Amino acid sequence: MLIVLITEAISMANRIVVLSGRPCKVKKIFEVNLTNASTPIENRKCKEFPIYYDQIWKEIDYRG
C-alpha cells in the first residue's frame, strides 16, 4: 500500500512531506518538479519520476 501512495504522491503533487515516526516531526520536504508534467499517468513516464521514488523511499526507511 505504501508503494502505491508514493507513486500517487509523485505523480499528482508539487510537494511531498515525509514525516518521522512518533512523535511525528517533518523529516524532509521534497519539491516535485517533473519535466513535461501533464496528467498523473503521463507524469509517471517523466525521467525524474524514478529518482524521486528512490529518494522518498530511502527517506522513509520503511521496515514493515
Protein backbone atom coordinates (compact mmCIF):
# COMPACT_ATOMS: atom_id res chain seq x y z
CA MET A 1 0.00 0.00 0.00
CA LEU A 2 2.82 2.41 0.83
CA ILE A 3 4.34 1.93 -2.63
CA VAL A 4 1.07 2.97 -4.28
CA LEU A 5 0.85 6.07 -2.10
CA ILE A 6 4.39 7.13 -3.02
CA THR A 7 3.76 6.80 -6.75
CA GLU A 8 0.44 8.63 -6.47
CA ALA A 9 2.03 11.44 -4.49
CA ILE A 10 4.86 11.90 -7.01
CA SER A 11 2.54 11.86 -9.99
CA MET A 12 -0.03 14.27 -8.51
CA ALA A 13 1.71 16.60 -6.04
CA ASN A 14 4.04 19.58 -6.23
CA ARG A 15 5.36 18.93 -2.75
CA ILE A 16 5.73 15.77 -0.66
CA VAL A 17 6.30 15.87 3.09
CA VAL A 18 7.92 12.86 4.76
CA LEU A 19 7.15 12.58 8.46
CA SER A 20 9.13 10.80 11.15
CA GLY A 21 7.75 8.18 13.49
CA ARG A 22 6.18 9.04 16.81
CA PRO A 23 6.38 11.73 17.94
CA CYS A 24 5.73 12.93 14.43
CA LYS A 25 8.01 15.63 13.02
CA VAL A 26 8.68 16.83 9.49
CA LYS A 27 11.64 14.77 8.35
CA LYS A 28 12.06 16.13 4.82
CA ILE A 29 10.13 18.09 2.21
CA PHE A 30 10.50 17.20 -1.47
CA GLU A 31 9.63 19.79 -4.12
CA VAL A 32 8.41 17.76 -7.11
CA ASN A 33 9.32 19.27 -10.48
CA LEU A 34 8.60 16.89 -13.34
CA THR A 35 9.54 17.76 -16.91
CA ASN A 36 6.66 17.53 -19.36
CA ALA A 37 4.18 17.21 -16.50
CA SER A 38 0.60 16.77 -17.66
CA THR A 39 -1.69 14.03 -16.34
CA PRO A 40 -0.86 11.74 -13.40
CA ILE A 41 -0.45 8.77 -15.74
CA GLU A 42 1.85 10.69 -18.09
CA ASN A 43 3.80 12.09 -15.14
CA ARG A 44 4.92 8.56 -14.25
CA LYS A 45 6.82 8.48 -17.56
CA CYS A 46 8.92 11.56 -16.71
CA LYS A 47 12.64 10.84 -16.36
CA GLU A 48 12.69 12.31 -12.82
CA PHE A 49 9.93 10.03 -11.54
CA PRO A 50 12.14 7.08 -10.52
CA ILE A 51 14.67 9.46 -8.95
CA TYR A 52 12.01 10.97 -6.69
CA TYR A 53 10.67 7.49 -5.93
CA ASP A 54 14.09 6.24 -4.78
CA GLN A 55 14.84 9.37 -2.74
CA ILE A 56 11.49 9.28 -0.95
CA TRP A 57 11.66 5.55 -0.29
CA LYS A 58 15.14 5.92 1.25
CA GLU A 59 13.98 8.84 3.39
CA ILE A 60 11.02 6.82 4.72
CA ASP A 61 13.30 3.91 5.64
CA TYR A 62 10.25 1.68 5.99
CA ARG A 63 10.92 -1.64 7.71
CA GLY A 64 7.42 -3.07 7.77
